Amino acid sequence: MRRLAAALITVAIAAGVLAGCDDGNWAKRCGTTDAGVIECAPDQRPRVTDVTGELLDGGTYDVTADRGKVVVVNFWGSWCNPCRAEADDLETTYRATKDKGVTFVGVNTRDDRDAAIAFERGRVTYPSVYDPDGKVALKFDVTQVTTPSTLILDRQGRIAAAMRRATIRSELRPLVERVAAEGPG
């Protein structure tokens, strides 16, 4: 019971921090499409720094190691039905864009490690950070992260686009390719 209460408090704190109450909220400065995708002009993009975490399959991830690449970050959980629905589209987009200097990383949140590993097996080939307490998500300093959500970071490590819901290949791939086409910056 105490563990559940502690987890709920952590989630509530994370939700409050991620709700972005201040007027400097980057998402408010960026445009939102009719489909609800937040897209930021290069001069409005917030930089992502100091994001590290333990990978589900061992080892560590550091977002700064991917500078120079477009990084697609997907927040997911094995318990999340929309995450199950979008997994194939994420993997298909990953495979279609990785030769264009694009990489993907998942952030598995509020989950059991074994359940997360079982969920990934046979679904995705890119790595995922294990983030049961939402601490890695907080490091992205983004507003209103829900599960699932997807961020697209440009080659300089700035948030170029965000989706606070499940995504599909027909919207994700063009966004990723557009950011990848911006070049080295």
Protein backbone atom coordinates (compact mmCIF):
# COMPACT_ATOMS: atom_id res chain seq x y z
CA MET A 1 0.00 0.00 0.00
CA ARG A 2 2.84 2.39 0.85
CA ARG A 3 4.53 1.60 -2.48
CA LEU A 4 1.31 2.39 -4.35
CA ALA A 5 0.88 5.64 -2.41
CA ALA A 6 4.50 6.62 -3.10
CA ALA A 7 4.06 5.83 -6.80
CA LEU A 8 0.88 7.92 -6.97
CA ILE A 9 2.60 10.84 -5.26
CA THR A 10 5.52 10.59 -7.72
CA VAL A 11 3.12 10.54 -10.67
CA ALA A 12 1.17 13.51 -9.28
CA ILE A 13 4.36 15.52 -8.77
CA ALA A 14 5.58 14.64 -12.25
CA ALA A 15 2.23 15.58 -13.76
CA GLY A 16 2.30 18.92 -11.98
CA VAL A 17 5.82 19.71 -13.09
CA LEU A 18 5.14 18.54 -16.63
CA ALA A 19 1.96 20.59 -16.84
CA GLY A 20 4.15 23.63 -17.46
CA CYS A 21 2.41 26.27 -15.40
CA ASP A 22 4.76 29.13 -16.21
CA ASP A 23 4.16 31.54 -19.07
CA GLY A 24 7.55 30.64 -20.58
CA ASN A 25 6.13 27.27 -21.66
CA TRP A 26 7.83 26.38 -24.95
CA ALA A 27 4.74 24.64 -26.32
CA LYS A 28 2.77 27.88 -26.05
CA ARG A 29 5.38 29.64 -28.19
CA CYS A 30 5.22 26.96 -30.89
CA GLY A 31 2.44 26.28 -33.35
CA THR A 32 -0.10 23.49 -33.05
CA THR A 33 -1.50 21.85 -36.18
CA ASP A 34 -5.15 20.93 -36.64
CA ALA A 35 -4.13 17.35 -35.76
CA GLY A 36 -2.76 18.55 -32.40
CA VAL A 37 0.93 18.21 -33.27
CA ILE A 38 3.11 20.86 -31.68
CA GLU A 39 5.76 22.08 -34.12
CA CYS A 40 8.48 24.55 -33.18
CA ALA A 41 10.37 26.88 -35.47
CA PRO A 42 14.13 26.47 -35.04
CA ASP A 43 14.44 29.69 -33.02
CA GLN A 44 11.66 28.56 -30.63
CA ARG A 45 12.96 25.05 -29.92
CA PRO A 46 13.95 24.21 -26.34
CA ARG A 47 17.24 22.34 -25.95
CA VAL A 48 17.20 18.95 -24.24
CA THR A 49 20.23 18.36 -22.03
CA ASP A 50 21.30 16.02 -19.27
CA VAL A 51 18.95 13.17 -20.18
CA THR A 52 20.45 9.86 -19.20
CA GLY A 53 19.00 6.61 -18.02
CA GLU A 54 19.35 2.88 -17.67
CA LEU A 55 18.31 0.87 -20.72
CA LEU A 56 15.82 -1.96 -20.35
CA ASP A 57 18.31 -4.47 -21.71
CA GLY A 58 21.26 -3.11 -19.71
CA GLY A 59 23.69 -0.31 -20.31
CA THR A 60 22.92 3.38 -20.26
CA TYR A 61 21.54 5.99 -22.63
CA ASP A 62 22.74 9.58 -22.90
CA VAL A 63 20.88 11.88 -25.30
CA THR A 64 24.04 13.93 -25.90
CA ALA A 65 25.64 10.88 -27.56
CA ASP A 66 23.05 11.28 -30.33
CA ARG A 67 23.86 14.92 -31.16
CA GLY A 68 24.02 15.26 -34.92
CA LYS A 69 21.13 12.84 -35.34
CA VAL A 70 17.40 13.39 -35.28
CA VAL A 71 16.13 11.59 -32.17
CA VAL A 72 12.55 10.36 -31.89
CA VAL A 73 11.64 9.81 -28.23
CA ASN A 74 8.52 7.76 -27.49
CA PHE A 75 7.06 7.57 -23.98
CA TRP A 76 5.28 4.24 -23.51
CA GLY A 77 4.16 1.54 -21.08
CA SER A 78 3.33 -2.13 -21.56
CA TRP A 79 0.01 -1.45 -19.79
CA CYS A 80 -0.96 1.19 -22.38
CA ASN A 81 -3.31 0.04 -25.17
CA PRO A 82 -2.58 3.04 -27.45
CA CYS A 83 1.13 2.20 -27.05
CA ARG A 84 0.43 -1.27 -28.37
CA ALA A 85 -1.44 0.23 -31.32
CA GLU A 86 1.38 2.61 -32.30
CA ALA A 87 4.34 0.24 -31.78
CA ASP A 88 4.32 -1.13 -35.35
CA ASP A 89 4.12 2.37 -36.86
CA LEU A 90 7.03 3.55 -34.71
CA GLU A 91 9.17 0.57 -35.70
CA THR A 92 8.28 0.96 -39.39
CA THR A 93 9.19 4.67 -39.28
CA TYR A 94 12.42 3.89 -37.45
CA ARG A 95 13.49 1.37 -40.10
CA ALA A 96 12.50 3.72 -42.93
CA THR A 97 14.43 6.73 -41.58
CA LYS A 98 17.50 5.37 -39.75
CA ASP A 99 19.66 5.71 -42.89
CA LYS A 100 18.84 9.45 -42.88
CA GLY A 101 20.60 10.05 -39.57
CA VAL A 102 17.54 9.33 -37.44
CA THR A 103 17.49 7.25 -34.28
CA PHE A 104 14.69 6.27 -31.91
CA VAL A 105 14.64 5.72 -28.17
CA GLY A 106 11.74 4.66 -26.02
CA VAL A 107 11.13 5.82 -22.47
CA ASN A 108 9.27 3.10 -20.61
CA THR A 109 7.35 4.64 -17.73
CA ARG A 110 5.37 3.41 -14.70
CA ASP A 111 6.04 -0.19 -15.61
CA ASP A 112 7.51 -3.47 -14.42
CA ARG A 113 10.84 -4.24 -16.14
CA ASP A 114 9.85 -7.81 -17.10
CA ALA A 115 6.53 -6.66 -18.57
CA ALA A 116 8.32 -3.91 -20.52
CA ILE A 117 10.92 -6.32 -21.92
CA ALA A 118 8.19 -8.77 -22.94
CA PHE A 119 6.24 -5.95 -24.62
CA GLU A 120 9.27 -4.84 -26.66
CA ARG A 121 10.25 -8.35 -27.77
CA GLY A 122 9.27 -8.75 -31.41
CA ARG A 123 7.80 -5.23 -31.61
CA VAL A 124 10.69 -2.78 -31.72
CA THR A 125 14.42 -2.97 -32.40
CA TYR A 126 15.48 0.39 -30.96
CA PRO A 127 16.43 0.75 -27.27
CA SER A 128 14.26 1.93 -24.41
CA VAL A 129 15.18 3.66 -21.17
CA TYR A 130 13.58 2.11 -18.09
CA ASP A 131 11.88 4.96 -16.20
CA PRO A 132 9.49 3.46 -13.62
CA ASP A 133 9.33 6.65 -11.53
CA GLY A 134 9.10 9.21 -14.36
CA LYS A 135 12.43 10.82 -13.43
CA VAL A 136 13.87 10.54 -16.95
CA ALA A 137 10.70 12.06 -18.41
CA LEU A 138 11.16 15.05 -16.10
CA LYS A 139 14.65 15.58 -17.50
CA PHE A 140 13.13 16.29 -20.92
CA ASP A 141 11.51 19.36 -19.33
CA VAL A 142 8.45 19.02 -21.52
CA THR A 143 4.88 19.97 -20.81
CA GLN A 144 1.98 17.59 -20.39
CA VAL A 145 3.74 14.33 -21.17
CA THR A 146 1.12 11.63 -21.36
CA THR A 147 1.54 8.01 -22.28
CA PRO A 148 1.95 7.62 -25.13
CA SER A 149 3.69 10.77 -26.28
CA THR A 150 6.38 11.33 -28.88
CA LEU A 151 9.03 14.03 -29.20
CA ILE A 152 11.18 14.69 -32.24
CA LEU A 153 14.54 16.26 -31.42
CA ASP A 154 16.51 18.01 -34.15
CA ARG A 155 20.20 17.40 -34.79
CA GLN A 156 21.13 20.06 -32.21
CA GLY A 157 19.13 18.29 -29.49
CA ARG A 158 16.17 20.69 -29.51
CA ILE A 159 12.50 19.70 -29.47
CA ALA A 160 11.21 20.25 -33.01
CA ALA A 161 7.83 18.54 -32.62
CA ALA A 162 5.69 16.84 -29.99
CA MET A 163 2.60 14.66 -29.98
CA ARG A 164 0.77 14.13 -26.69
CA ARG A 165 -1.07 11.07 -27.91
CA ALA A 166 -0.53 7.95 -29.98
CA THR A 167 0.92 8.48 -33.42
CA ILE A 168 0.56 6.75 -36.76
CA ARG A 169 3.09 6.20 -39.53
CA SER A 170 1.36 8.54 -41.99
CA GLU A 171 1.86 11.52 -39.65
CA LEU A 172 5.11 10.52 -37.92
CA ARG A 173 7.27 9.68 -40.92
CA PRO A 174 6.72 13.01 -42.75
CA LEU A 175 7.49 14.93 -39.53
CA VAL A 176 10.67 12.95 -38.93
CA GLU A 177 11.78 13.31 -42.55
CA ARG A 178 11.11 17.06 -42.51
CA VAL A 179 13.28 17.52 -39.39
CA ALA A 180 15.96 15.23 -40.86
CA ALA A 181 16.01 17.29 -44.07
CA GLU A 182 16.94 20.42 -42.12
CA GLY A 183 20.52 19.20 -42.28
CA PRO A 184 23.27 19.53 -39.72
CA GLY A 185 22.08 22.94 -38.64
